[in-house]
Amino acid sequence: MPHPLDSVPHGIRLHGGAPDRGPIIITEEELDRLHAEAEAVRATEESAAGRRRLAPAVVLRAAREAAGLSPADAASKAGVPEETIRQVDSGRLADVTWTALDRYAAAVGLTLTLSAAPAAR
């Protein structure tokens, strides 16, 4: 029997959402919308590296919205200033600490991980 989430087209399935709501599902269309909004706020070069830099902001914002949390709610849950949540949501990550990102992720039911790969030339 197929899993109900198997029908989600090209998106992200984030497990660990609120127990009464089930998993958080973010469709490809929603990710595209959030990327467009983040790029409109913060001009980013059209390179793959630029999109990778915005990826954490897009996923965190999508998870927050899917969990039904306002920026103020997420800030309260994470123990960070609301301005930090708004900075992350808009893709302005330069002044945001790893700890703040980790707390934001936990507040929306995610675990933040870091990975490294050779740079594209």
PDB file of N, CA and C in Angstrom:
ATOM      1  N   MET A   1       0.851  -1.179   0.000  1.00  0.00           N
ATOM      2  CA  MET A   1       0.000   0.000   0.000  1.00  0.00           C
ATOM      3  C   MET A   1       0.895   1.241   0.000  1.00  0.00           C
ATOM      4  N   PRO A   2       0.649   2.177  -0.923  1.00  0.00           N
ATOM      5  CA  PRO A   2       1.502   3.368  -0.984  1.00  0.00           C
ATOM      6  C   PRO A   2       1.292   4.270   0.223  1.00  0.00           C
ATOM      7  N   HIS A   3       2.360   4.931   0.589  1.00  0.00           N
ATOM      8  CA  HIS A   3       2.317   5.888   1.697  1.00  0.00           C
ATOM      9  C   HIS A   3       1.604   7.145   1.205  1.00  0.00           C
ATOM     10  N   PRO A   4       0.763   7.808   2.039  1.00  0.00           N
ATOM     11  CA  PRO A   4       0.038   8.993   1.585  1.00  0.00           C
ATOM     12  C   PRO A   4       0.947  10.118   1.098  1.00  0.00           C
ATOM     13  N   LEU A   5       2.162  10.185   1.613  1.00  0.00           N
ATOM     14  CA  LEU A   5       3.071  11.254   1.198  1.00  0.00           C
ATOM     15  C   LEU A   5       3.709  10.978  -0.158  1.00  0.00           C
ATOM     16  N   ASP A   6       3.572   9.725  -0.655  1.00  0.00           N
ATOM     17  CA  ASP A   6       4.160   9.405  -1.943  1.00  0.00           C
ATOM     18  C   ASP A   6       3.550  10.222  -3.076  1.00  0.00           C
ATOM     19  N   SER A   7       2.359  10.747  -2.863  1.00  0.00           N
ATOM     20  CA  SER A   7       1.693  11.519  -3.913  1.00  0.00           C
ATOM     21  C   SER A   7       2.142  12.970  -3.961  1.00  0.00           C
ATOM     22  N   VAL A   8       2.992  13.399  -3.015  1.00  0.00           N
ATOM     23  CA  VAL A   8       3.455  14.784  -3.009  1.00  0.00           C
ATOM     24  C   VAL A   8       4.428  14.962  -4.170  1.00  0.00           C
ATOM     25  N   PRO A   9       4.111  15.887  -5.106  1.00  0.00           N
ATOM     26  CA  PRO A   9       4.980  16.059  -6.273  1.00  0.00           C
ATOM     27  C   PRO A   9       6.202  16.900  -5.952  1.00  0.00           C
ATOM     28  N   HIS A  10       7.366  16.396  -6.270  1.00  0.00           N
ATOM     29  CA  HIS A  10       8.622  17.148  -6.219  1.00  0.00           C
ATOM     30  C   HIS A  10       8.656  18.227  -5.151  1.00  0.00           C
ATOM     31  N   GLY A  11       8.646  17.843  -3.937  1.00  0.00           N
ATOM     32  CA  GLY A  11       8.713  18.799  -2.851  1.00  0.00           C
ATOM     33  C   GLY A  11       9.593  18.280  -1.751  1.00  0.00           C
ATOM     34  N   ILE A  12       9.386  18.782  -0.567  1.00  0.00           N
ATOM     35  CA  ILE A  12      10.154  18.366   0.598  1.00  0.00           C
ATOM     36  C   ILE A  12       9.184  17.848   1.635  1.00  0.00           C
ATOM     37  N   ARG A  13       9.502  16.723   2.217  1.00  0.00           N
ATOM     38  CA  ARG A  13       8.727  16.191   3.326  1.00  0.00           C
ATOM     39  C   ARG A  13       9.553  16.369   4.585  1.00  0.00           C
ATOM     40  N   LEU A  14       9.061  17.156   5.501  1.00  0.00           N
ATOM     41  CA  LEU A  14       9.781  17.422   6.734  1.00  0.00           C
ATOM     42  C   LEU A  14       9.088  16.680   7.860  1.00  0.00           C
ATOM     43  N   HIS A  15       9.699  15.648   8.358  1.00  0.00           N
ATOM     44  CA  HIS A  15       9.111  14.890   9.451  1.00  0.00           C
ATOM     45  C   HIS A  15       9.504  15.543  10.764  1.00  0.00           C
ATOM     46  N   GLY A  16       8.647  15.470  11.723  1.00  0.00           N
ATOM     47  CA  GLY A  16       8.925  16.061  13.013  1.00  0.00           C
ATOM     48  C   GLY A  16       8.057  17.275  13.266  1.00  0.00           C
ATOM     49  N   GLY A  17       6.980  17.418  12.502  1.00  0.00           N
ATOM     50  CA  GLY A  17       6.054  18.517  12.732  1.00  0.00           C
ATOM     51  C   GLY A  17       5.286  18.293  14.021  1.00  0.00           C
ATOM     52  N   ALA A  18       4.361  19.166  14.310  1.00  0.00           N
ATOM     53  CA  ALA A  18       3.557  19.043  15.520  1.00  0.00           C
ATOM     54  C   ALA A  18       2.818  17.707  15.499  1.00  0.00           C
ATOM     55  N   PRO A  19       2.806  16.971  16.632  1.00  0.00           N
ATOM     56  CA  PRO A  19       2.193  15.641  16.654  1.00  0.00           C
ATOM     57  C   PRO A  19       0.737  15.640  16.198  1.00  0.00           C
ATOM     58  N   ASP A  20       0.001  16.692  16.498  1.00  0.00           N
ATOM     59  CA  ASP A  20      -1.399  16.718  16.115  1.00  0.00           C
ATOM     60  C   ASP A  20      -1.614  17.123  14.658  1.00  0.00           C
ATOM     61  N   ARG A  21      -0.559  17.550  13.980  1.00  0.00           N
ATOM     62  CA  ARG A  21      -0.677  17.980  12.583  1.00  0.00           C
ATOM     63  C   ARG A  21      -0.028  17.000  11.600  1.00  0.00           C
ATOM     64  N   GLY A  22       0.797  16.099  12.069  1.00  0.00           N
ATOM     65  CA  GLY A  22       1.492  15.184  11.178  1.00  0.00           C
ATOM     66  C   GLY A  22       2.693  15.847  10.527  1.00  0.00           C
ATOM     67  N   PRO A  23       3.261  15.203   9.506  1.00  0.00           N
ATOM     68  CA  PRO A  23       4.458  15.750   8.864  1.00  0.00           C
ATOM     69  C   PRO A  23       4.152  17.045   8.125  1.00  0.00           C
ATOM     70  N   ILE A  24       5.171  17.845   7.953  1.00  0.00           N
ATOM     71  CA  ILE A  24       5.059  19.095   7.214  1.00  0.00           C
ATOM     72  C   ILE A  24       5.416  18.795   5.763  1.00  0.00           C
ATOM     73  N   ILE A  25       4.560  19.191   4.855  1.00  0.00           N
ATOM     74  CA  ILE A  25       4.799  18.941   3.437  1.00  0.00           C
ATOM     75  C   ILE A  25       4.933  20.283   2.734  1.00  0.00           C
ATOM     76  N   ILE A  26       6.039  20.459   2.051  1.00  0.00           N
ATOM     77  CA  ILE A  26       6.279  21.691   1.317  1.00  0.00           C
ATOM     78  C   ILE A  26       6.419  21.314  -0.150  1.00  0.00           C
ATOM     79  N   THR A  27       5.498  21.781  -0.973  1.00  0.00           N
ATOM     80  CA  THR A  27       5.522  21.436  -2.389  1.00  0.00           C
ATOM     81  C   THR A  27       6.578  22.237  -3.132  1.00  0.00           C
ATOM     82  N   GLU A  28       6.902  21.772  -4.308  1.00  0.00           N
ATOM     83  CA  GLU A  28       7.876  22.476  -5.142  1.00  0.00           C
ATOM     84  C   GLU A  28       7.377  23.883  -5.472  1.00  0.00           C
ATOM     85  N   GLU A  29       6.073  24.022  -5.682  1.00  0.00           N
ATOM     86  CA  GLU A  29       5.503  25.335  -5.981  1.00  0.00           C
ATOM     87  C   GLU A  29       5.696  26.283  -4.797  1.00  0.00           C
ATOM     88  N   GLU A  30       5.488  25.783  -3.579  1.00  0.00           N
ATOM     89  CA  GLU A  30       5.671  26.602  -2.390  1.00  0.00           C
ATOM     90  C   GLU A  30       7.140  27.001  -2.242  1.00  0.00           C
ATOM     91  N   LEU A  31       8.048  26.068  -2.490  1.00  0.00           N
ATOM     92  CA  LEU A  31       9.473  26.386  -2.429  1.00  0.00           C
ATOM     93  C   LEU A  31       9.832  27.455  -3.462  1.00  0.00           C
ATOM     94  N   ASP A  32       9.269  27.332  -4.659  1.00  0.00           N
ATOM     95  CA  ASP A  32       9.531  28.336  -5.691  1.00  0.00           C
ATOM     96  C   ASP A  32       9.017  29.708  -5.264  1.00  0.00           C
ATOM     97  N   ARG A  33       7.827  29.747  -4.678  1.00  0.00           N
ATOM     98  CA  ARG A  33       7.257  31.015  -4.225  1.00  0.00           C
ATOM     99  C   ARG A  33       8.145  31.651  -3.156  1.00  0.00           C
ATOM    100  N   LEU A  34       8.581  30.837  -2.198  1.00  0.00           N
ATOM    101  CA  LEU A  34       9.413  31.356  -1.116  1.00  0.00           C
ATOM    102  C   LEU A  34      10.781  31.807  -1.629  1.00  0.00           C
ATOM    103  N   HIS A  35      11.343  31.068  -2.581  1.00  0.00           N
ATOM    104  CA  HIS A  35      12.612  31.492  -3.185  1.00  0.00           C
ATOM    105  C   HIS A  35      12.434  32.842  -3.870  1.00  0.00           C
ATOM    106  N   ALA A  36      11.352  33.000  -4.612  1.00  0.00           N
ATOM    107  CA  ALA A  36      11.118  34.258  -5.324  1.00  0.00           C
ATOM    108  C   ALA A  36      10.985  35.422  -4.344  1.00  0.00           C
ATOM    109  N   GLU A  37      10.266  35.210  -3.250  1.00  0.00           N
ATOM    110  CA  GLU A  37      10.111  36.268  -2.249  1.00  0.00           C
ATOM    111  C   GLU A  37      11.451  36.621  -1.613  1.00  0.00           C
ATOM    112  N   ALA A  38      12.228  35.606  -1.245  1.00  0.00           N
ATOM    113  CA  ALA A  38      13.523  35.861  -0.614  1.00  0.00           C
ATOM    114  C   ALA A  38      14.462  36.586  -1.577  1.00  0.00           C
ATOM    115  N   GLU A  39      14.427  36.210  -2.845  1.00  0.00           N
ATOM    116  CA  GLU A  39      15.300  36.851  -3.822  1.00  0.00           C
ATOM    117  C   GLU A  39      14.864  38.280  -4.099  1.00  0.00           C
ATOM    118  N   ALA A  40      13.572  38.563  -3.993  1.00  0.00           N
ATOM    119  CA  ALA A  40      13.096  39.923  -4.214  1.00  0.00           C
ATOM    120  C   ALA A  40      13.566  40.843  -3.097  1.00  0.00           C
ATOM    121  N   VAL A  41      13.641  40.313  -1.876  1.00  0.00           N
ATOM    122  CA  VAL A  41      14.081  41.117  -0.740  1.00  0.00           C
ATOM    123  C   VAL A  41      15.581  41.309  -0.775  1.00  0.00           C
ATOM    124  N   ARG A  42      16.286  40.280  -1.111  1.00  0.00           N
ATOM    125  CA  ARG A  42      17.753  40.329  -1.091  1.00  0.00           C
ATOM    126  C   ARG A  42      18.269  39.908  -2.455  1.00  0.00           C
ATOM    127  N   ALA A  43      18.804  40.841  -3.211  1.00  0.00           N
ATOM    128  CA  ALA A  43      19.319  40.530  -4.543  1.00  0.00           C
ATOM    129  C   ALA A  43      20.469  39.545  -4.421  1.00  0.00           C
ATOM    130  N   THR A  44      20.342  38.444  -5.138  1.00  0.00           N
ATOM    131  CA  THR A  44      21.351  37.401  -5.092  1.00  0.00           C
ATOM    132  C   THR A  44      21.753  37.054  -6.518  1.00  0.00           C
ATOM    133  N   GLU A  45      23.023  36.826  -6.750  1.00  0.00           N
ATOM    134  CA  GLU A  45      23.472  36.446  -8.079  1.00  0.00           C
ATOM    135  C   GLU A  45      22.735  35.193  -8.539  1.00  0.00           C
ATOM    136  N   GLU A  46      22.621  35.023  -9.810  1.00  0.00           N
ATOM    137  CA  GLU A  46      21.842  33.936 -10.393  1.00  0.00           C
ATOM    138  C   GLU A  46      22.622  32.623 -10.458  1.00  0.00           C
ATOM    139  N   SER A  47      23.603  32.463  -9.625  1.00  0.00           N
ATOM    140  CA  SER A  47      24.400  31.242  -9.653  1.00  0.00           C
ATOM    141  C   SER A  47      23.795  30.178  -8.742  1.00  0.00           C
ATOM    142  N   ALA A  48      24.214  28.948  -8.941  1.00  0.00           N
ATOM    143  CA  ALA A  48      23.783  27.858  -8.061  1.00  0.00           C
ATOM    144  C   ALA A  48      24.234  28.123  -6.635  1.00  0.00           C
ATOM    145  N   ALA A  49      25.403  28.728  -6.472  1.00  0.00           N
ATOM    146  CA  ALA A  49      25.900  29.034  -5.127  1.00  0.00           C
ATOM    147  C   ALA A  49      24.979  30.022  -4.434  1.00  0.00           C
ATOM    148  N   GLY A  50      24.451  30.985  -5.149  1.00  0.00           N
ATOM    149  CA  GLY A  50      23.523  31.943  -4.566  1.00  0.00           C
ATOM    150  C   GLY A  50      22.251  31.279  -4.083  1.00  0.00           C
ATOM    151  N   ARG A  51      21.721  30.349  -4.865  1.00  0.00           N
ATOM    152  CA  ARG A  51      20.500  29.637  -4.456  1.00  0.00           C
ATOM    153  C   ARG A  51      20.781  28.746  -3.252  1.00  0.00           C
ATOM    154  N   ARG A  52      21.972  28.142  -3.191  1.00  0.00           N
ATOM    155  CA  ARG A  52      22.311  27.301  -2.034  1.00  0.00           C
ATOM    156  C   ARG A  52      22.372  28.137  -0.767  1.00  0.00           C
ATOM    157  N   ARG A  53      22.858  29.376  -0.871  1.00  0.00           N
ATOM    158  CA  ARG A  53      22.917  30.242   0.306  1.00  0.00           C
ATOM    159  C   ARG A  53      21.528  30.562   0.821  1.00  0.00           C
ATOM    160  N   LEU A  54      20.537  30.660  -0.059  1.00  0.00           N
ATOM    161  CA  LEU A  54      19.174  30.956   0.365  1.00  0.00           C
ATOM    162  C   LEU A  54      18.426  29.723   0.851  1.00  0.00           C
ATOM    163  N   ALA A  55      18.896  28.534   0.547  1.00  0.00           N
ATOM    164  CA  ALA A  55      18.164  27.310   0.871  1.00  0.00           C
ATOM    165  C   ALA A  55      17.760  27.196   2.342  1.00  0.00           C
ATOM    166  N   PRO A  56      18.649  27.445   3.305  1.00  0.00           N
ATOM    167  CA  PRO A  56      18.218  27.329   4.704  1.00  0.00           C
ATOM    168  C   PRO A  56      17.079  28.288   5.039  1.00  0.00           C
ATOM    169  N   ALA A  57      17.144  29.499   4.519  1.00  0.00           N
ATOM    170  CA  ALA A  57      16.100  30.486   4.785  1.00  0.00           C
ATOM    171  C   ALA A  57      14.766  30.016   4.223  1.00  0.00           C
ATOM    172  N   VAL A  58      14.790  29.480   3.022  1.00  0.00           N
ATOM    173  CA  VAL A  58      13.556  29.037   2.371  1.00  0.00           C
ATOM    174  C   VAL A  58      12.933  27.873   3.130  1.00  0.00           C
ATOM    175  N   VAL A  59      13.731  26.905   3.520  1.00  0.00           N
ATOM    176  CA  VAL A  59      13.206  25.735   4.223  1.00  0.00           C
ATOM    177  C   VAL A  59      12.679  26.117   5.603  1.00  0.00           C
ATOM    178  N   LEU A  60      13.417  26.955   6.335  1.00  0.00           N
ATOM    179  CA  LEU A  60      12.953  27.358   7.665  1.00  0.00           C
ATOM    180  C   LEU A  60      11.653  28.155   7.587  1.00  0.00           C
ATOM    181  N   ARG A  61      11.579  29.073   6.638  1.00  0.00           N
ATOM    182  CA  ARG A  61      10.354  29.864   6.511  1.00  0.00           C
ATOM    183  C   ARG A  61       9.177  28.977   6.109  1.00  0.00           C
ATOM    184  N   ALA A  62       9.403  28.077   5.170  1.00  0.00           N
ATOM    185  CA  ALA A  62       8.326  27.182   4.738  1.00  0.00           C
ATOM    186  C   ALA A  62       7.845  26.304   5.894  1.00  0.00           C
ATOM    187  N   ALA A  63       8.775  25.810   6.702  1.00  0.00           N
ATOM    188  CA  ALA A  63       8.398  24.978   7.848  1.00  0.00           C
ATOM    189  C   ALA A  63       7.625  25.805   8.878  1.00  0.00           C
ATOM    190  N   ARG A  64       8.047  27.050   9.086  1.00  0.00           N
ATOM    191  CA  ARG A  64       7.341  27.926  10.030  1.00  0.00           C
ATOM    192  C   ARG A  64       5.913  28.169   9.559  1.00  0.00           C
ATOM    193  N   GLU A  65       5.760  28.510   8.284  1.00  0.00           N
ATOM    194  CA  GLU A  65       4.431  28.761   7.738  1.00  0.00           C
ATOM    195  C   GLU A  65       3.566  27.503   7.773  1.00  0.00           C
ATOM    196  N   ALA A  66       4.155  26.353   7.436  1.00  0.00           N
ATOM    197  CA  ALA A  66       3.404  25.095   7.451  1.00  0.00           C
ATOM    198  C   ALA A  66       2.971  24.718   8.864  1.00  0.00           C
ATOM    199  N   ALA A  67       3.761  25.120   9.854  1.00  0.00           N
ATOM    200  CA  ALA A  67       3.410  24.841  11.254  1.00  0.00           C
ATOM    201  C   ALA A  67       2.399  25.851  11.791  1.00  0.00           C
ATOM    202  N   GLY A  68       2.057  26.846  10.973  1.00  0.00           N
ATOM    203  CA  GLY A  68       1.085  27.838  11.394  1.00  0.00           C
ATOM    204  C   GLY A  68       1.614  28.848  12.398  1.00  0.00           C
ATOM    205  N   LEU A  69       2.931  29.056  12.392  1.00  0.00           N
ATOM    206  CA  LEU A  69       3.546  29.996  13.338  1.00  0.00           C
ATOM    207  C   LEU A  69       3.823  31.332  12.671  1.00  0.00           C
ATOM    208  N   SER A  70       3.526  32.404  13.358  1.00  0.00           N
ATOM    209  CA  SER A  70       3.919  33.739  12.902  1.00  0.00           C
ATOM    210  C   SER A  70       5.392  33.925  13.240  1.00  0.00           C
ATOM    211  N   PRO A  71       6.039  34.947  12.674  1.00  0.00           N
ATOM    212  CA  PRO A  71       7.426  35.215  13.075  1.00  0.00           C
ATOM    213  C   PRO A  71       7.546  35.448  14.588  1.00  0.00           C
ATOM    214  N   ALA A  72       6.568  36.131  15.176  1.00  0.00           N
ATOM    215  CA  ALA A  72       6.602  36.384  16.621  1.00  0.00           C
ATOM    216  C   ALA A  72       6.478  35.072  17.406  1.00  0.00           C
ATOM    217  N   ASP A  73       5.590  34.173  16.955  1.00  0.00           N
ATOM    218  CA  ASP A  73       5.433  32.872  17.619  1.00  0.00           C
ATOM    219  C   ASP A  73       6.729  32.062  17.548  1.00  0.00           C
ATOM    220  N   ALA A  74       7.330  32.027  16.352  1.00  0.00           N
ATOM    221  CA  ALA A  74       8.578  31.269  16.168  1.00  0.00           C
ATOM    222  C   ALA A  74       9.693  31.858  17.026  1.00  0.00           C
ATOM    223  N   ALA A  75       9.763  33.183  17.090  1.00  0.00           N
ATOM    224  CA  ALA A  75      10.794  33.835  17.903  1.00  0.00           C
ATOM    225  C   ALA A  75      10.625  33.490  19.369  1.00  0.00           C
ATOM    226  N   SER A  76       9.392  33.513  19.839  1.00  0.00           N
ATOM    227  CA  SER A  76       9.121  33.182  21.234  1.00  0.00           C
ATOM    228  C   SER A  76       9.503  31.741  21.541  1.00  0.00           C
ATOM    229  N   LYS A  77       9.117  30.826  20.645  1.00  0.00           N
ATOM    230  CA  LYS A  77       9.455  29.406  20.827  1.00  0.00           C
ATOM    231  C   LYS A  77      10.956  29.165  20.776  1.00  0.00           C
ATOM    232  N   ALA A  78      11.639  29.903  19.902  1.00  0.00           N
ATOM    233  CA  ALA A  78      13.078  29.707  19.701  1.00  0.00           C
ATOM    234  C   ALA A  78      13.919  30.462  20.718  1.00  0.00           C
ATOM    235  N   GLY A  79      13.331  31.445  21.376  1.00  0.00           N
ATOM    236  CA  GLY A  79      14.098  32.249  22.321  1.00  0.00           C
ATOM    237  C   GLY A  79      15.062  33.200  21.639  1.00  0.00           C
ATOM    238  N   VAL A  80      14.662  33.689  20.471  1.00  0.00           N
ATOM    239  CA  VAL A  80      15.479  34.657  19.734  1.00  0.00           C
ATOM    240  C   VAL A  80      14.607  35.872  19.416  1.00  0.00           C
ATOM    241  N   PRO A  81      15.220  37.017  19.109  1.00  0.00           N
ATOM    242  CA  PRO A  81      14.421  38.192  18.746  1.00  0.00           C
ATOM    243  C   PRO A  81      13.618  37.943  17.459  1.00  0.00           C
ATOM    244  N   GLU A  82      12.447  38.549  17.391  1.00  0.00           N
ATOM    245  CA  GLU A  82      11.619  38.416  16.184  1.00  0.00           C
ATOM    246  C   GLU A  82      12.365  38.909  14.950  1.00  0.00           C
ATOM    247  N   GLU A  83      13.185  39.933  15.102  1.00  0.00           N
ATOM    248  CA  GLU A  83      13.957  40.459  13.970  1.00  0.00           C
ATOM    249  C   GLU A  83      14.871  39.373  13.385  1.00  0.00           C
ATOM    250  N   THR A  84      15.387  38.482  14.224  1.00  0.00           N
ATOM    251  CA  THR A  84      16.229  37.378  13.737  1.00  0.00           C
ATOM    252  C   THR A  84      15.420  36.476  12.822  1.00  0.00           C
ATOM    253  N   ILE A  85      14.200  36.152  13.233  1.00  0.00           N
ATOM    254  CA  ILE A  85      13.331  35.301  12.404  1.00  0.00           C
ATOM    255  C   ILE A  85      13.057  36.007  11.075  1.00  0.00           C
ATOM    256  N   ARG A  86      12.769  37.289  11.136  1.00  0.00           N
ATOM    257  CA  ARG A  86      12.476  38.048   9.912  1.00  0.00           C
ATOM    258  C   ARG A  86      13.713  38.134   8.995  1.00  0.00           C
ATOM    259  N   GLN A  87      14.900  38.264   9.593  1.00  0.00           N
ATOM    260  CA  GLN A  87      16.127  38.274   8.791  1.00  0.00           C
ATOM    261  C   GLN A  87      16.298  36.946   8.070  1.00  0.00           C
ATOM    262  N   VAL A  88      16.127  35.856   8.783  1.00  0.00           N
ATOM    263  CA  VAL A  88      16.280  34.530   8.176  1.00  0.00           C
ATOM    264  C   VAL A  88      15.230  34.344   7.080  1.00  0.00           C
ATOM    265  N   ASP A  89      13.976  34.668   7.394  1.00  0.00           N
ATOM    266  CA  ASP A  89      12.892  34.486   6.427  1.00  0.00           C
ATOM    267  C   ASP A  89      13.139  35.239   5.122  1.00  0.00           C
ATOM    268  N   SER A  90      13.820  36.370   5.203  1.00  0.00           N
ATOM    269  CA  SER A  90      14.055  37.167   3.995  1.00  0.00           C
ATOM    270  C   SER A  90      15.399  36.853   3.335  1.00  0.00           C
ATOM    271  N   GLY A  91      16.140  35.886   3.884  1.00  0.00           N
ATOM    272  CA  GLY A  91      17.397  35.484   3.272  1.00  0.00           C
ATOM    273  C   GLY A  91      18.597  36.296   3.691  1.00  0.00           C
ATOM    274  N   ARG A  92      18.441  37.181   4.673  1.00  0.00           N
ATOM    275  CA  ARG A  92      19.572  37.991   5.161  1.00  0.00           C
ATOM    276  C   ARG A  92      20.253  37.225   6.296  1.00  0.00           C
ATOM    277  N   LEU A  93      21.141  36.319   5.929  1.00  0.00           N
ATOM    278  CA  LEU A  93      21.751  35.409   6.902  1.00  0.00           C
ATOM    279  C   LEU A  93      23.113  35.860   7.415  1.00  0.00           C
ATOM    280  N   ALA A  94      23.669  36.913   6.859  1.00  0.00           N
ATOM    281  CA  ALA A  94      25.041  37.311   7.193  1.00  0.00           C
ATOM    282  C   ALA A  94      25.248  37.564   8.681  1.00  0.00           C
ATOM    283  N   ASP A  95      24.265  38.151   9.352  1.00  0.00           N
ATOM    284  CA  ASP A  95      24.427  38.501  10.767  1.00  0.00           C
ATOM    285  C   ASP A  95      23.711  37.543  11.715  1.00  0.00           C
ATOM    286  N   VAL A  96      23.257  36.408  11.206  1.00  0.00           N
ATOM    287  CA  VAL A  96      22.522  35.449  12.033  1.00  0.00           C
ATOM    288  C   VAL A  96      23.487  34.351  12.479  1.00  0.00           C
ATOM    289  N   THR A  97      23.492  34.055  13.765  1.00  0.00           N
ATOM    290  CA  THR A  97      24.405  33.036  14.289  1.00  0.00           C
ATOM    291  C   THR A  97      23.886  31.628  14.028  1.00  0.00           C
ATOM    292  N   TRP A  98      24.817  30.672  14.054  1.00  0.00           N
ATOM    293  CA  TRP A  98      24.461  29.263  13.913  1.00  0.00           C
ATOM    294  C   TRP A  98      23.482  28.874  15.028  1.00  0.00           C
ATOM    295  N   THR A  99      23.720  29.358  16.241  1.00  0.00           N
ATOM    296  CA  THR A  99      22.842  29.043  17.381  1.00  0.00           C
ATOM    297  C   THR A  99      21.423  29.528  17.115  1.00  0.00           C
ATOM    298  N   ALA A 100      21.279  30.735  16.587  1.00  0.00           N
ATOM    299  CA  ALA A 100      19.947  31.265  16.287  1.00  0.00           C
ATOM    300  C   ALA A 100      19.255  30.427  15.212  1.00  0.00           C
ATOM    301  N   LEU A 101      20.001  30.030  14.174  1.00  0.00           N
ATOM    302  CA  LEU A 101      19.423  29.168  13.139  1.00  0.00           C
ATOM    303  C   LEU A 101      18.990  27.826  13.717  1.00  0.00           C
ATOM    304  N   ASP A 102      19.822  27.263  14.587  1.00  0.00           N
ATOM    305  CA  ASP A 102      19.509  25.984  15.214  1.00  0.00           C
ATOM    306  C   ASP A 102      18.253  26.091  16.081  1.00  0.00           C
ATOM    307  N   ARG A 103      18.137  27.173  16.833  1.00  0.00           N
ATOM    308  CA  ARG A 103      16.952  27.378  17.679  1.00  0.00           C
ATOM    309  C   ARG A 103      15.697  27.567  16.826  1.00  0.00           C
ATOM    310  N   TYR A 104      15.830  28.309  15.729  1.00  0.00           N
ATOM    311  CA  TYR A 104      14.700  28.510  14.818  1.00  0.00           C
ATOM    312  C   TYR A 104      14.269  27.161  14.255  1.00  0.00           C
ATOM    313  N   ALA A 105      15.230  26.368  13.797  1.00  0.00           N
ATOM    314  CA  ALA A 105      14.915  25.049  13.248  1.00  0.00           C
ATOM    315  C   ALA A 105      14.169  24.198  14.280  1.00  0.00           C
ATOM    316  N   ALA A 106      14.666  24.163  15.498  1.00  0.00           N
ATOM    317  CA  ALA A 106      14.012  23.369  16.552  1.00  0.00           C
ATOM    318  C   ALA A 106      12.601  23.877  16.830  1.00  0.00           C
ATOM    319  N   ALA A 107      12.402  25.182  16.775  1.00  0.00           N
ATOM    320  CA  ALA A 107      11.083  25.761  17.047  1.00  0.00           C
ATOM    321  C   ALA A 107      10.048  25.352  16.003  1.00  0.00           C
ATOM    322  N   VAL A 108      10.495  25.051  14.783  1.00  0.00           N
ATOM    323  CA  VAL A 108       9.566  24.635  13.730  1.00  0.00           C
ATOM    324  C   VAL A 108       9.632  23.127  13.475  1.00  0.00           C
ATOM    325  N   GLY A 109      10.263  22.395  14.405  1.00  0.00           N
ATOM    326  CA  GLY A 109      10.270  20.936  14.332  1.00  0.00           C
ATOM    327  C   GLY A 109      11.326  20.334  13.442  1.00  0.00           C
ATOM    328  N   LEU A 110      12.403  21.064  13.170  1.00  0.00           N
ATOM    329  CA  LEU A 110      13.470  20.560  12.311  1.00  0.00           C
ATOM    330  C   LEU A 110      14.774  20.441  13.090  1.00  0.00           C
ATOM    331  N   THR A 111      15.699  19.691  12.534  1.00  0.00           N
ATOM    332  CA  THR A 111      17.053  19.601  13.066  1.00  0.00           C
ATOM    333  C   THR A 111      17.979  20.196  12.030  1.00  0.00           C
ATOM    334  N   LEU A 112      18.778  21.142  12.437  1.00  0.00           N
ATOM    335  CA  LEU A 112      19.709  21.797  11.529  1.00  0.00           C
ATOM    336  C   LEU A 112      20.974  20.962  11.434  1.00  0.00           C
ATOM    337  N   THR A 113      21.444  20.718  10.225  1.00  0.00           N
ATOM    338  CA  THR A 113      22.696  19.984  10.017  1.00  0.00           C
ATOM    339  C   THR A 113      23.569  20.782   9.063  1.00  0.00           C
ATOM    340  N   LEU A 114      24.841  20.533   9.122  1.00  0.00           N
ATOM    341  CA  LEU A 114      25.800  21.203   8.268  1.00  0.00           C
ATOM    342  C   LEU A 114      26.491  20.148   7.422  1.00  0.00           C
ATOM    343  N   SER A 115      26.650  20.434   6.159  1.00  0.00           N
ATOM    344  CA  SER A 115      27.405  19.527   5.303  1.00  0.00           C
ATOM    345  C   SER A 115      28.382  20.346   4.465  1.00  0.00           C
ATOM    346  N   ALA A 116      29.417  19.713   4.031  1.00  0.00           N
ATOM    347  CA  ALA A 116      30.423  20.387   3.224  1.00  0.00           C
ATOM    348  C   ALA A 116      30.723  19.531   1.993  1.00  0.00           C
ATOM    349  N   ALA A 117      31.007  20.191   0.907  1.00  0.00           N
ATOM    350  CA  ALA A 117      31.337  19.507  -0.335  1.00  0.00           C
ATOM    351  C   ALA A 117      32.370  20.349  -1.083  1.00  0.00           C
ATOM    352  N   PRO A 118      33.119  19.725  -1.973  1.00  0.00           N
ATOM    353  CA  PRO A 118      34.084  20.503  -2.745  1.00  0.00           C
ATOM    354  C   PRO A 118      33.372  21.606  -3.525  1.00  0.00           C
ATOM    355  N   ALA A 119      33.979  22.751  -3.626  1.00  0.00           N
ATOM    356  CA  ALA A 119      33.399  23.871  -4.367  1.00  0.00           C
ATOM    357  C   ALA A 119      33.392  23.559  -5.855  1.00  0.00           C
ATOM    358  N   ALA A 120      32.332  23.987  -6.516  1.00  0.00           N
ATOM    359  CA  ALA A 120      32.250  23.840  -7.973  1.00  0.00           C
ATOM    360  C   ALA A 120      33.188  24.851  -8.604  1.00  0.00           C
ATOM    361  N   ARG A 121      33.831  24.477  -9.677  1.00  0.00           N
ATOM    362  CA  ARG A 121      34.795  25.387 -10.333  1.00  0.00           C
ATOM    363  C   ARG A 121      34.239  25.907 -11.611  1.00  0.00           C
TER     364      ARG A 121
END
